Amino acid sequence: YANFVKGRFTISRDNAKNTVYLQMNSLKL
């Protein structure tokens, strides 16, 4: 992760679906 999103964003993937996700919490302006 880039430092500016560490602890707030989570990347994950579903290989069966060839899909990547980005869960973004505590969003800032």
mmCIF file of all heavy atoms, coordinates in Angstrom:
data_MODEL
# 
_entry.id   MODEL 
# 
loop_
_atom_site.group_PDB 
_atom_site.id 
_atom_site.type_symbol 
_atom_site.label_atom_id 
_atom_site.label_alt_id 
_atom_site.label_comp_id 
_atom_site.label_asym_id 
_atom_site.label_entity_id 
_atom_site.label_seq_id 
_atom_site.pdbx_PDB_ins_code 
_atom_site.Cartn_x 
_atom_site.Cartn_y 
_atom_site.Cartn_z 
_atom_site.occupancy 
_atom_site.B_iso_or_equiv 
_atom_site.pdbx_formal_charge 
_atom_site.auth_seq_id 
_atom_site.auth_comp_id 
_atom_site.auth_asym_id 
_atom_site.auth_atom_id 
_atom_site.pdbx_PDB_model_num 
ATOM 1   N N   . TYR A 1 1  ? 0.823   -1.202  0.000   1.00 0.00 ? 1  TYR A N   1 
ATOM 2   C CA  . TYR A 1 1  ? 0.000   0.000   0.000   1.00 0.00 ? 1  TYR A CA  1 
ATOM 3   C C   . TYR A 1 1  ? 0.857   1.252   0.000   1.00 0.00 ? 1  TYR A C   1 
ATOM 4   O O   . TYR A 1 1  ? 1.930   1.292   0.609   1.00 0.00 ? 1  TYR A O   1 
ATOM 5   C CB  . TYR A 1 1  ? -0.889  0.034   1.242   1.00 0.00 ? 1  TYR A CB  1 
ATOM 6   C CG  . TYR A 1 1  ? -1.864  -1.100  1.338   1.00 0.00 ? 1  TYR A CG  1 
ATOM 7   C CD1 . TYR A 1 1  ? -1.542  -2.270  2.028   1.00 0.00 ? 1  TYR A CD1 1 
ATOM 8   C CD2 . TYR A 1 1  ? -3.127  -1.016  0.737   1.00 0.00 ? 1  TYR A CD2 1 
ATOM 9   C CE1 . TYR A 1 1  ? -2.434  -3.320  2.116   1.00 0.00 ? 1  TYR A CE1 1 
ATOM 10  C CE2 . TYR A 1 1  ? -4.029  -2.063  0.828   1.00 0.00 ? 1  TYR A CE2 1 
ATOM 11  C CZ  . TYR A 1 1  ? -3.676  -3.210  1.502   1.00 0.00 ? 1  TYR A CZ  1 
ATOM 12  O OH  . TYR A 1 1  ? -4.570  -4.252  1.583   1.00 0.00 ? 1  TYR A OH  1 
ATOM 13  N N   . ALA A 1 2  ? 0.344   2.276   -0.655  1.00 0.00 ? 2  ALA A N   1 
ATOM 14  C CA  . ALA A 1 2  ? 0.952   3.591   -0.517  1.00 0.00 ? 2  ALA A CA  1 
ATOM 15  C C   . ALA A 1 2  ? 0.747   4.066   0.915   1.00 0.00 ? 2  ALA A C   1 
ATOM 16  O O   . ALA A 1 2  ? -0.256  3.739   1.555   1.00 0.00 ? 2  ALA A O   1 
ATOM 17  C CB  . ALA A 1 2  ? 0.320   4.569   -1.498  1.00 0.00 ? 2  ALA A CB  1 
ATOM 18  N N   . ASN A 1 3  ? 1.692   4.835   1.402   1.00 0.00 ? 3  ASN A N   1 
ATOM 19  C CA  . ASN A 1 3  ? 1.622   5.264   2.798   1.00 0.00 ? 3  ASN A CA  1 
ATOM 20  C C   . ASN A 1 3  ? 0.332   6.023   3.108   1.00 0.00 ? 3  ASN A C   1 
ATOM 21  O O   . ASN A 1 3  ? -0.210  5.910   4.217   1.00 0.00 ? 3  ASN A O   1 
ATOM 22  C CB  . ASN A 1 3  ? 2.833   6.140   3.143   1.00 0.00 ? 3  ASN A CB  1 
ATOM 23  C CG  . ASN A 1 3  ? 4.104   5.327   3.282   1.00 0.00 ? 3  ASN A CG  1 
ATOM 24  O OD1 . ASN A 1 3  ? 4.071   4.130   3.573   1.00 0.00 ? 3  ASN A OD1 1 
ATOM 25  N ND2 . ASN A 1 3  ? 5.248   5.957   3.054   1.00 0.00 ? 3  ASN A ND2 1 
ATOM 26  N N   . PHE A 1 4  ? -0.156  6.778   2.131   1.00 0.00 ? 4  PHE A N   1 
ATOM 27  C CA  . PHE A 1 4  ? -1.312  7.623   2.421   1.00 0.00 ? 4  PHE A CA  1 
ATOM 28  C C   . PHE A 1 4  ? -2.620  6.845   2.540   1.00 0.00 ? 4  PHE A C   1 
ATOM 29  O O   . PHE A 1 4  ? -3.651  7.407   2.884   1.00 0.00 ? 4  PHE A O   1 
ATOM 30  C CB  . PHE A 1 4  ? -1.449  8.752   1.379   1.00 0.00 ? 4  PHE A CB  1 
ATOM 31  C CG  . PHE A 1 4  ? -1.457  8.302   -0.051  1.00 0.00 ? 4  PHE A CG  1 
ATOM 32  C CD1 . PHE A 1 4  ? -2.604  7.764   -0.624  1.00 0.00 ? 4  PHE A CD1 1 
ATOM 33  C CD2 . PHE A 1 4  ? -0.319  8.411   -0.830  1.00 0.00 ? 4  PHE A CD2 1 
ATOM 34  C CE1 . PHE A 1 4  ? -2.610  7.351   -1.943  1.00 0.00 ? 4  PHE A CE1 1 
ATOM 35  C CE2 . PHE A 1 4  ? -0.304  7.999   -2.163  1.00 0.00 ? 4  PHE A CE2 1 
ATOM 36  C CZ  . PHE A 1 4  ? -1.464  7.470   -2.721  1.00 0.00 ? 4  PHE A CZ  1 
ATOM 37  N N   . VAL A 1 5  ? -2.613  5.539   2.260   1.00 0.00 ? 5  VAL A N   1 
ATOM 38  C CA  . VAL A 1 5  ? -3.836  4.738   2.432   1.00 0.00 ? 5  VAL A CA  1 
ATOM 39  C C   . VAL A 1 5  ? -3.660  3.598   3.433   1.00 0.00 ? 5  VAL A C   1 
ATOM 40  O O   . VAL A 1 5  ? -4.622  2.905   3.751   1.00 0.00 ? 5  VAL A O   1 
ATOM 41  C CB  . VAL A 1 5  ? -4.346  4.156   1.097   1.00 0.00 ? 5  VAL A CB  1 
ATOM 42  C CG1 . VAL A 1 5  ? -4.617  5.268   0.099   1.00 0.00 ? 5  VAL A CG1 1 
ATOM 43  C CG2 . VAL A 1 5  ? -3.383  3.113   0.546   1.00 0.00 ? 5  VAL A CG2 1 
ATOM 44  N N   . LYS A 1 6  ? -2.452  3.417   3.921   1.00 0.00 ? 6  LYS A N   1 
ATOM 45  C CA  . LYS A 1 6  ? -2.215  2.327   4.871   1.00 0.00 ? 6  LYS A CA  1 
ATOM 46  C C   . LYS A 1 6  ? -3.118  2.452   6.086   1.00 0.00 ? 6  LYS A C   1 
ATOM 47  O O   . LYS A 1 6  ? -3.269  3.526   6.665   1.00 0.00 ? 6  LYS A O   1 
ATOM 48  C CB  . LYS A 1 6  ? -0.751  2.330   5.314   1.00 0.00 ? 6  LYS A CB  1 
ATOM 49  C CG  . LYS A 1 6  ? 0.185   1.654   4.346   1.00 0.00 ? 6  LYS A CG  1 
ATOM 50  C CD  . LYS A 1 6  ? 1.608   1.607   4.880   1.00 0.00 ? 6  LYS A CD  1 
ATOM 51  C CE  . LYS A 1 6  ? 2.543   0.936   3.907   1.00 0.00 ? 6  LYS A CE  1 
ATOM 52  N NZ  . LYS A 1 6  ? 3.945   0.932   4.384   1.00 0.00 ? 6  LYS A NZ  1 
ATOM 53  N N   . GLY A 1 7  ? -3.736  1.327   6.446   1.00 0.00 ? 7  GLY A N   1 
ATOM 54  C CA  . GLY A 1 7  ? -4.630  1.314   7.598   1.00 0.00 ? 7  GLY A CA  1 
ATOM 55  C C   . GLY A 1 7  ? -6.047  1.725   7.276   1.00 0.00 ? 7  GLY A C   1 
ATOM 56  O O   . GLY A 1 7  ? -6.934  1.585   8.122   1.00 0.00 ? 7  GLY A O   1 
ATOM 57  N N   . ARG A 1 8  ? -6.270  2.255   6.080   1.00 0.00 ? 8  ARG A N   1 
ATOM 58  C CA  . ARG A 1 8  ? -7.620  2.693   5.692   1.00 0.00 ? 8  ARG A CA  1 
ATOM 59  C C   . ARG A 1 8  ? -8.171  1.884   4.529   1.00 0.00 ? 8  ARG A C   1 
ATOM 60  O O   . ARG A 1 8  ? -9.365  1.611   4.466   1.00 0.00 ? 8  ARG A O   1 
ATOM 61  C CB  . ARG A 1 8  ? -7.609  4.173   5.317   1.00 0.00 ? 8  ARG A CB  1 
ATOM 62  C CG  . ARG A 1 8  ? -7.160  5.098   6.429   1.00 0.00 ? 8  ARG A CG  1 
ATOM 63  C CD  . ARG A 1 8  ? -7.366  6.561   6.047   1.00 0.00 ? 8  ARG A CD  1 
ATOM 64  N NE  . ARG A 1 8  ? -6.609  6.977   4.877   1.00 0.00 ? 8  ARG A NE  1 
ATOM 65  C CZ  . ARG A 1 8  ? -7.152  7.481   3.765   1.00 0.00 ? 8  ARG A CZ  1 
ATOM 66  N NH1 . ARG A 1 8  ? -8.461  7.654   3.691   1.00 0.00 ? 8  ARG A NH1 1 
ATOM 67  N NH2 . ARG A 1 8  ? -6.377  7.846   2.746   1.00 0.00 ? 8  ARG A NH2 1 
ATOM 68  N N   . PHE A 1 9  ? -7.318  1.530   3.574   1.00 0.00 ? 9  PHE A N   1 
ATOM 69  C CA  . PHE A 1 9  ? -7.739  0.796   2.384   1.00 0.00 ? 9  PHE A CA  1 
ATOM 70  C C   . PHE A 1 9  ? -7.255  -0.644  2.455   1.00 0.00 ? 9  PHE A C   1 
ATOM 71  O O   . PHE A 1 9  ? -6.176  -0.922  2.997   1.00 0.00 ? 9  PHE A O   1 
ATOM 72  C CB  . PHE A 1 9  ? -7.163  1.431   1.128   1.00 0.00 ? 9  PHE A CB  1 
ATOM 73  C CG  . PHE A 1 9  ? -7.709  2.794   0.767   1.00 0.00 ? 9  PHE A CG  1 
ATOM 74  C CD1 . PHE A 1 9  ? -8.520  3.510   1.636   1.00 0.00 ? 9  PHE A CD1 1 
ATOM 75  C CD2 . PHE A 1 9  ? -7.403  3.361   -0.472  1.00 0.00 ? 9  PHE A CD2 1 
ATOM 76  C CE1 . PHE A 1 9  ? -9.018  4.753   1.300   1.00 0.00 ? 9  PHE A CE1 1 
ATOM 77  C CE2 . PHE A 1 9  ? -7.886  4.600   -0.828  1.00 0.00 ? 9  PHE A CE2 1 
ATOM 78  C CZ  . PHE A 1 9  ? -8.690  5.303   0.067   1.00 0.00 ? 9  PHE A CZ  1 
ATOM 79  N N   . THR A 1 10 ? -8.041  -1.532  1.872   1.00 0.00 ? 10 THR A N   1 
ATOM 80  C CA  . THR A 1 10 ? -7.656  -2.944  1.798   1.00 0.00 ? 10 THR A CA  1 
ATOM 81  C C   . THR A 1 10 ? -7.893  -3.454  0.388   1.00 0.00 ? 10 THR A C   1 
ATOM 82  O O   . THR A 1 10 ? -9.001  -3.348  -0.135  1.00 0.00 ? 10 THR A O   1 
ATOM 83  C CB  . THR A 1 10 ? -8.465  -3.795  2.783   1.00 0.00 ? 10 THR A CB  1 
ATOM 84  O OG1 . THR A 1 10 ? -8.271  -3.303  4.113   1.00 0.00 ? 10 THR A OG1 1 
ATOM 85  C CG2 . THR A 1 10 ? -8.019  -5.248  2.720   1.00 0.00 ? 10 THR A CG2 1 
ATOM 86  N N   . ILE A 1 11 ? -6.846  -4.013  -0.205  1.00 0.00 ? 11 ILE A N   1 
ATOM 87  C CA  . ILE A 1 11 ? -6.969  -4.613  -1.524  1.00 0.00 ? 11 ILE A CA  1 
ATOM 88  C C   . ILE A 1 11 ? -7.115  -6.117  -1.366  1.00 0.00 ? 11 ILE A C   1 
ATOM 89  O O   . ILE A 1 11 ? -6.480  -6.730  -0.499  1.00 0.00 ? 11 ILE A O   1 
ATOM 90  C CB  . ILE A 1 11 ? -5.749  -4.252  -2.408  1.00 0.00 ? 11 ILE A CB  1 
ATOM 91  C CG1 . ILE A 1 11 ? -5.970  -4.703  -3.855  1.00 0.00 ? 11 ILE A CG1 1 
ATOM 92  C CG2 . ILE A 1 11 ? -4.458  -4.841  -1.838  1.00 0.00 ? 11 ILE A CG2 1 
ATOM 93  C CD1 . ILE A 1 11 ? -4.909  -4.190  -4.819  1.00 0.00 ? 11 ILE A CD1 1 
ATOM 94  N N   . SER A 1 12 ? -7.958  -6.699  -2.200  1.00 0.00 ? 12 SER A N   1 
ATOM 95  C CA  . SER A 1 12 ? -8.157  -8.145  -2.170  1.00 0.00 ? 12 SER A CA  1 
ATOM 96  C C   . SER A 1 12 ? -8.500  -8.616  -3.575  1.00 0.00 ? 12 SER A C   1 
ATOM 97  O O   . SER A 1 12 ? -8.747  -7.799  -4.467  1.00 0.00 ? 12 SER A O   1 
ATOM 98  C CB  . SER A 1 12 ? -9.264  -8.528  -1.185  1.00 0.00 ? 12 SER A CB  1 
ATOM 99  O OG  . SER A 1 12 ? -10.497 -7.939  -1.559  1.00 0.00 ? 12 SER A OG  1 
ATOM 100 N N   . ARG A 1 13 ? -8.533  -9.917  -3.767  1.00 0.00 ? 13 ARG A N   1 
ATOM 101 C CA  . ARG A 1 13 ? -8.832  -10.450 -5.083  1.00 0.00 ? 13 ARG A CA  1 
ATOM 102 C C   . ARG A 1 13 ? -9.584  -11.755 -4.968  1.00 0.00 ? 13 ARG A C   1 
ATOM 103 O O   . ARG A 1 13 ? -9.448  -12.497 -3.992  1.00 0.00 ? 13 ARG A O   1 
ATOM 104 C CB  . ARG A 1 13 ? -7.549  -10.637 -5.894  1.00 0.00 ? 13 ARG A CB  1 
ATOM 105 C CG  . ARG A 1 13 ? -6.554  -11.628 -5.308  1.00 0.00 ? 13 ARG A CG  1 
ATOM 106 C CD  . ARG A 1 13 ? -5.208  -11.565 -6.041  1.00 0.00 ? 13 ARG A CD  1 
ATOM 107 N NE  . ARG A 1 13 ? -5.287  -12.143 -7.373  1.00 0.00 ? 13 ARG A NE  1 
ATOM 108 C CZ  . ARG A 1 13 ? -4.365  -11.970 -8.317  1.00 0.00 ? 13 ARG A CZ  1 
ATOM 109 N NH1 . ARG A 1 13 ? -3.310  -11.210 -8.067  1.00 0.00 ? 13 ARG A NH1 1 
ATOM 110 N NH2 . ARG A 1 13 ? -4.493  -12.543 -9.503  1.00 0.00 ? 13 ARG A NH2 1 
ATOM 111 N N   . ASP A 1 14 ? -10.365 -12.028 -6.008  1.00 0.00 ? 14 ASP A N   1 
ATOM 112 C CA  . ASP A 1 14 ? -11.057 -13.301 -6.148  1.00 0.00 ? 14 ASP A CA  1 
ATOM 113 C C   . ASP A 1 14 ? -10.559 -13.912 -7.443  1.00 0.00 ? 14 ASP A C   1 
ATOM 114 O O   . ASP A 1 14 ? -10.957 -13.491 -8.537  1.00 0.00 ? 14 ASP A O   1 
ATOM 115 C CB  . ASP A 1 14 ? -12.570 -13.073 -6.184  1.00 0.00 ? 14 ASP A CB  1 
ATOM 116 C CG  . ASP A 1 14 ? -13.360 -14.371 -6.232  1.00 0.00 ? 14 ASP A CG  1 
ATOM 117 O OD1 . ASP A 1 14 ? -12.827 -15.380 -6.751  1.00 0.00 ? 14 ASP A OD1 1 
ATOM 118 O OD2 . ASP A 1 14 ? -14.514 -14.377 -5.788  1.00 0.00 ? 14 ASP A OD2 1 
ATOM 119 N N   . ASN A 1 15 ? -9.671  -14.869 -7.326  1.00 0.00 ? 15 ASN A N   1 
ATOM 120 C CA  . ASN A 1 15 ? -9.046  -15.437 -8.521  1.00 0.00 ? 15 ASN A CA  1 
ATOM 121 C C   . ASN A 1 15 ? -10.046 -16.180 -9.404  1.00 0.00 ? 15 ASN A C   1 
ATOM 122 O O   . ASN A 1 15 ? -9.894  -16.200 -10.625 1.00 0.00 ? 15 ASN A O   1 
ATOM 123 C CB  . ASN A 1 15 ? -7.909  -16.368 -8.117  1.00 0.00 ? 15 ASN A CB  1 
ATOM 124 C CG  . ASN A 1 15 ? -6.742  -15.609 -7.499  1.00 0.00 ? 15 ASN A CG  1 
ATOM 125 O OD1 . ASN A 1 15 ? -6.488  -14.454 -7.838  1.00 0.00 ? 15 ASN A OD1 1 
ATOM 126 N ND2 . ASN A 1 15 ? -6.025  -16.260 -6.589  1.00 0.00 ? 15 ASN A ND2 1 
ATOM 127 N N   . ALA A 1 16 ? -11.048 -16.756 -8.803  1.00 0.00 ? 16 ALA A N   1 
ATOM 128 C CA  . ALA A 1 16 ? -12.045 -17.478 -9.593  1.00 0.00 ? 16 ALA A CA  1 
ATOM 129 C C   . ALA A 1 16 ? -12.841 -16.536 -10.484 1.00 0.00 ? 16 ALA A C   1 
ATOM 130 O O   . ALA A 1 16 ? -13.336 -16.939 -11.541 1.00 0.00 ? 16 ALA A O   1 
ATOM 131 C CB  . ALA A 1 16 ? -12.986 -18.245 -8.672  1.00 0.00 ? 16 ALA A CB  1 
ATOM 132 N N   . LYS A 1 17 ? -12.942 -15.295 -10.057 1.00 0.00 ? 17 LYS A N   1 
ATOM 133 C CA  . LYS A 1 17 ? -13.707 -14.304 -10.820 1.00 0.00 ? 17 LYS A CA  1 
ATOM 134 C C   . LYS A 1 17 ? -12.808 -13.314 -11.549 1.00 0.00 ? 17 LYS A C   1 
ATOM 135 O O   . LYS A 1 17 ? -13.311 -12.379 -12.185 1.00 0.00 ? 17 LYS A O   1 
ATOM 136 C CB  . LYS A 1 17 ? -14.644 -13.537 -9.882  1.00 0.00 ? 17 LYS A CB  1 
ATOM 137 C CG  . LYS A 1 17 ? -15.704 -14.397 -9.218  1.00 0.00 ? 17 LYS A CG  1 
ATOM 138 C CD  . LYS A 1 17 ? -16.587 -13.557 -8.311  1.00 0.00 ? 17 LYS A CD  1 
ATOM 139 C CE  . LYS A 1 17 ? -17.659 -14.405 -7.656  1.00 0.00 ? 17 LYS A CE  1 
ATOM 140 N NZ  . LYS A 1 17 ? -18.528 -13.604 -6.755  1.00 0.00 ? 17 LYS A NZ  1 
ATOM 141 N N   . ASN A 1 18 ? -11.495 -13.483 -11.434 1.00 0.00 ? 18 ASN A N   1 
ATOM 142 C CA  . ASN A 1 18 ? -10.551 -12.525 -12.032 1.00 0.00 ? 18 ASN A CA  1 
ATOM 143 C C   . ASN A 1 18 ? -10.901 -11.095 -11.647 1.00 0.00 ? 18 ASN A C   1 
ATOM 144 O O   . ASN A 1 18 ? -10.922 -10.186 -12.489 1.00 0.00 ? 18 ASN A O   1 
ATOM 145 C CB  . ASN A 1 18 ? -10.515 -12.665 -13.559 1.00 0.00 ? 18 ASN A CB  1 
ATOM 146 C CG  . ASN A 1 18 ? -9.846  -13.947 -14.014 1.00 0.00 ? 18 ASN A CG  1 
ATOM 147 O OD1 . ASN A 1 18 ? -8.948  -14.463 -13.345 1.00 0.00 ? 18 ASN A OD1 1 
ATOM 148 N ND2 . ASN A 1 18 ? -10.293 -14.492 -15.127 1.00 0.00 ? 18 ASN A ND2 1 
ATOM 149 N N   . THR A 1 19 ? -11.180 -10.913 -10.390 1.00 0.00 ? 19 THR A N   1 
ATOM 150 C CA  . THR A 1 19 ? -11.656 -9.627  -9.893  1.00 0.00 ? 19 THR A CA  1 
ATOM 151 C C   . THR A 1 19 ? -10.774 -9.138  -8.750  1.00 0.00 ? 19 THR A C   1 
ATOM 152 O O   . THR A 1 19 ? -10.377 -9.932  -7.882  1.00 0.00 ? 19 THR A O   1 
ATOM 153 C CB  . THR A 1 19 ? -13.111 -9.731  -9.422  1.00 0.00 ? 19 THR A CB  1 
ATOM 154 O OG1 . THR A 1 19 ? -13.926 -10.114 -10.541 1.00 0.00 ? 19 THR A OG1 1 
ATOM 155 C CG2 . THR A 1 19 ? -13.614 -8.407  -8.881  1.00 0.00 ? 19 THR A CG2 1 
ATOM 156 N N   . VAL A 1 20 ? -10.508 -7.854  -8.764  1.00 0.00 ? 20 VAL A N   1 
ATOM 157 C CA  . VAL A 1 20 ? -9.767  -7.215  -7.673  1.00 0.00 ? 20 VAL A CA  1 
ATOM 158 C C   . VAL A 1 20 ? -10.685 -6.182  -7.031  1.00 0.00 ? 20 VAL A C   1 
ATOM 159 O O   . VAL A 1 20 ? -11.498 -5.547  -7.718  1.00 0.00 ? 20 VAL A O   1 
ATOM 160 C CB  . VAL A 1 20 ? -8.461  -6.569  -8.180  1.00 0.00 ? 20 VAL A CB  1 
ATOM 161 C CG1 . VAL A 1 20 ? -8.705  -5.491  -9.223  1.00 0.00 ? 20 VAL A CG1 1 
ATOM 162 C CG2 . VAL A 1 20 ? -7.622  -6.033  -7.018  1.00 0.00 ? 20 VAL A CG2 1 
ATOM 163 N N   . TYR A 1 21 ? -10.555 -6.055  -5.724  1.00 0.00 ? 21 TYR A N   1 
ATOM 164 C CA  . TYR A 1 21 ? -11.384 -5.145  -4.956  1.00 0.00 ? 21 TYR A CA  1 
ATOM 165 C C   . TYR A 1 21 ? -10.501 -4.134  -4.210  1.00 0.00 ? 21 TYR A C   1 
ATOM 166 O O   . TYR A 1 21 ? -9.346  -4.421  -3.903  1.00 0.00 ? 21 TYR A O   1 
ATOM 167 C CB  . TYR A 1 21 ? -12.225 -5.912  -3.934  1.00 0.00 ? 21 TYR A CB  1 
ATOM 168 C CG  . TYR A 1 21 ? -13.065 -6.994  -4.519  1.00 0.00 ? 21 TYR A CG  1 
ATOM 169 C CD1 . TYR A 1 21 ? -12.617 -8.319  -4.535  1.00 0.00 ? 21 TYR A CD1 1 
ATOM 170 C CD2 . TYR A 1 21 ? -14.319 -6.724  -5.068  1.00 0.00 ? 21 TYR A CD2 1 
ATOM 171 C CE1 . TYR A 1 21 ? -13.382 -9.330  -5.080  1.00 0.00 ? 21 TYR A CE1 1 
ATOM 172 C CE2 . TYR A 1 21 ? -15.097 -7.737  -5.615  1.00 0.00 ? 21 TYR A CE2 1 
ATOM 173 C CZ  . TYR A 1 21 ? -14.624 -9.034  -5.615  1.00 0.00 ? 21 TYR A CZ  1 
ATOM 174 O OH  . TYR A 1 21 ? -15.388 -10.033 -6.161  1.00 0.00 ? 21 TYR A OH  1 
ATOM 175 N N   . LEU A 1 22 ? -11.115 -3.001  -3.906  1.00 0.00 ? 22 LEU A N   1 
ATOM 176 C CA  . LEU A 1 22 ? -10.456 -2.030  -3.036  1.00 0.00 ? 22 LEU A CA  1 
ATOM 177 C C   . LEU A 1 22 ? -11.496 -1.529  -2.038  1.00 0.00 ? 22 LEU A C   1 
ATOM 178 O O   . LEU A 1 22 ? -12.416 -0.800  -2.416  1.00 0.00 ? 22 LEU A O   1 
ATOM 179 C CB  . LEU A 1 22 ? -9.879  -0.857  -3.829  1.00 0.00 ? 22 LEU A CB  1 
ATOM 180 C CG  . LEU A 1 22 ? -9.047  0.128   -2.993  1.00 0.00 ? 22 LEU A CG  1 
ATOM 181 C CD1 . LEU A 1 22 ? -7.750  -0.546  -2.522  1.00 0.00 ? 22 LEU A CD1 1 
ATOM 182 C CD2 . LEU A 1 22 ? -8.713  1.385   -3.810  1.00 0.00 ? 22 LEU A CD2 1 
ATOM 183 N N   . GLN A 1 23 ? -11.362 -1.980  -0.812  1.00 0.00 ? 23 GLN A N   1 
ATOM 184 C CA  . GLN A 1 23 ? -12.227 -1.511  0.256   1.00 0.00 ? 23 GLN A CA  1 
ATOM 185 C C   . GLN A 1 23 ? -11.601 -0.245  0.830   1.00 0.00 ? 23 GLN A C   1 
ATOM 186 O O   . GLN A 1 23 ? -10.459 -0.269  1.301   1.00 0.00 ? 23 GLN A O   1 
ATOM 187 C CB  . GLN A 1 23 ? -12.357 -2.571  1.347   1.00 0.00 ? 23 GLN A CB  1 
ATOM 188 C CG  . GLN A 1 23 ? -13.187 -2.138  2.542   1.00 0.00 ? 23 GLN A CG  1 
ATOM 189 C CD  . GLN A 1 23 ? -14.645 -1.917  2.204   1.00 0.00 ? 23 GLN A CD  1 
ATOM 190 O OE1 . GLN A 1 23 ? -15.247 -2.729  1.499   1.00 0.00 ? 23 GLN A OE1 1 
ATOM 191 N NE2 . GLN A 1 23 ? -15.220 -0.831  2.697   1.00 0.00 ? 23 GLN A NE2 1 
ATOM 192 N N   . MET A 1 24 ? -12.355 0.844   0.771   1.00 0.00 ? 24 MET A N   1 
ATOM 193 C CA  . MET A 1 24 ? -11.843 2.134   1.222   1.00 0.00 ? 24 MET A CA  1 
ATOM 194 C C   . MET A 1 24 ? -12.654 2.602   2.421   1.00 0.00 ? 24 MET A C   1 
ATOM 195 O O   . MET A 1 24 ? -13.862 2.837   2.304   1.00 0.00 ? 24 MET A O   1 
ATOM 196 C CB  . MET A 1 24 ? -11.924 3.161   0.088   1.00 0.00 ? 24 MET A CB  1 
ATOM 197 C CG  . MET A 1 24 ? -11.226 2.704   -1.196  1.00 0.00 ? 24 MET A CG  1 
ATOM 198 S SD  . MET A 1 24 ? -11.200 3.966   -2.476  1.00 0.00 ? 24 MET A SD  1 
ATOM 199 C CE  . MET A 1 24 ? -12.951 4.077   -2.833  1.00 0.00 ? 24 MET A CE  1 
ATOM 200 N N   . ASN A 1 25 ? -12.009 2.712   3.548   1.00 0.00 ? 25 ASN A N   1 
ATOM 201 C CA  . ASN A 1 25 ? -12.645 3.170   4.780   1.00 0.00 ? 25 ASN A CA  1 
ATOM 202 C C   . ASN A 1 25 ? -12.024 4.489   5.220   1.00 0.00 ? 25 ASN A C   1 
ATOM 203 O O   . ASN A 1 25 ? -10.947 4.877   4.761   1.00 0.00 ? 25 ASN A O   1 
ATOM 204 C CB  . ASN A 1 25 ? -12.471 2.128   5.882   1.00 0.00 ? 25 ASN A CB  1 
ATOM 205 C CG  . ASN A 1 25 ? -13.111 0.803   5.555   1.00 0.00 ? 25 ASN A CG  1 
ATOM 206 O OD1 . ASN A 1 25 ? -14.126 0.744   4.852   1.00 0.00 ? 25 ASN A OD1 1 
ATOM 207 N ND2 . ASN A 1 25 ? -12.532 -0.272  6.058   1.00 0.00 ? 25 ASN A ND2 1 
ATOM 208 N N   . SER A 1 26 ? -12.717 5.157   6.119   1.00 0.00 ? 26 SER A N   1 
ATOM 209 C CA  . SER A 1 26 ? -12.228 6.430   6.669   1.00 0.00 ? 26 SER A CA  1 
ATOM 210 C C   . SER A 1 26 ? -11.784 7.376   5.552   1.00 0.00 ? 26 SER A C   1 
ATOM 211 O O   . SER A 1 26 ? -10.696 7.959   5.600   1.00 0.00 ? 26 SER A O   1 
ATOM 212 C CB  . SER A 1 26 ? -11.060 6.172   7.630   1.00 0.00 ? 26 SER A CB  1 
ATOM 213 O OG  . SER A 1 26 ? -11.452 5.323   8.685   1.00 0.00 ? 26 SER A OG  1 
ATOM 214 N N   . LEU A 1 27 ? -12.635 7.518   4.566   1.00 0.00 ? 27 LEU A N   1 
ATOM 215 C CA  . LEU A 1 27 ? -12.278 8.319   3.404   1.00 0.00 ? 27 LEU A CA  1 
ATOM 216 C C   . LEU A 1 27 ? -12.093 9.780   3.780   1.00 0.00 ? 27 LEU A C   1 
ATOM 217 O O   . LEU A 1 27 ? -12.810 10.332  4.626   1.00 0.00 ? 27 LEU A O   1 
ATOM 218 C CB  . LEU A 1 27 ? -13.338 8.178   2.319   1.00 0.00 ? 27 LEU A CB  1 
ATOM 219 C CG  . LEU A 1 27 ? -13.246 6.859   1.538   1.00 0.00 ? 27 LEU A CG  1 
ATOM 220 C CD1 . LEU A 1 27 ? -14.545 6.542   0.829   1.00 0.00 ? 27 LEU A CD1 1 
ATOM 221 C CD2 . LEU A 1 27 ? -12.094 6.924   0.543   1.00 0.00 ? 27 LEU A CD2 1 
ATOM 222 N N   . LYS A 1 28 ? -11.128 10.397  3.117   1.00 0.00 ? 28 LYS A N   1 
ATOM 223 C CA  . LYS A 1 28 ? -10.796 11.794  3.347   1.00 0.00 ? 28 LYS A CA  1 
ATOM 224 C C   . LYS A 1 28 ? -11.071 12.614  2.078   1.00 0.00 ? 28 LYS A C   1 
ATOM 225 O O   . LYS A 1 28 ? -11.154 12.045  0.977   1.00 0.00 ? 28 LYS A O   1 
ATOM 226 C CB  . LYS A 1 28 ? -9.309  11.930  3.711   1.00 0.00 ? 28 LYS A CB  1 
ATOM 227 C CG  . LYS A 1 28 ? -8.880  11.119  4.910   1.00 0.00 ? 28 LYS A CG  1 
ATOM 228 C CD  . LYS A 1 28 ? -7.375  11.240  5.130   1.00 0.00 ? 28 LYS A CD  1 
ATOM 229 C CE  . LYS A 1 28 ? -6.910  10.423  6.321   1.00 0.00 ? 28 LYS A CE  1 
ATOM 230 N NZ  . LYS A 1 28 ? -5.445  10.540  6.541   1.00 0.00 ? 28 LYS A NZ  1 
ATOM 231 N N   . LEU A 1 29 ? -11.181 13.904  2.237   1.00 0.00 ? 29 LEU A N   1 
ATOM 232 C CA  . LEU A 1 29 ? -11.416 14.774  1.085   1.00 0.00 ? 29 LEU A CA  1 
ATOM 233 C C   . LEU A 1 29 ? -10.350 14.562  0.018   1.00 0.00 ? 29 LEU A C   1 
ATOM 234 O O   . LEU A 1 29 ? -10.656 14.549  -1.187  1.00 0.00 ? 29 LEU A O   1 
ATOM 235 C CB  . LEU A 1 29 ? -11.432 16.236  1.523   1.00 0.00 ? 29 LEU A CB  1 
ATOM 236 C CG  . LEU A 1 29 ? -12.541 16.665  2.471   1.00 0.00 ? 29 LEU A CG  1 
ATOM 237 C CD1 . LEU A 1 29 ? -12.385 18.135  2.831   1.00 0.00 ? 29 LEU A CD1 1 
ATOM 238 C CD2 . LEU A 1 29 ? -13.904 16.405  1.861   1.00 0.00 ? 29 LEU A CD2 1 
# 
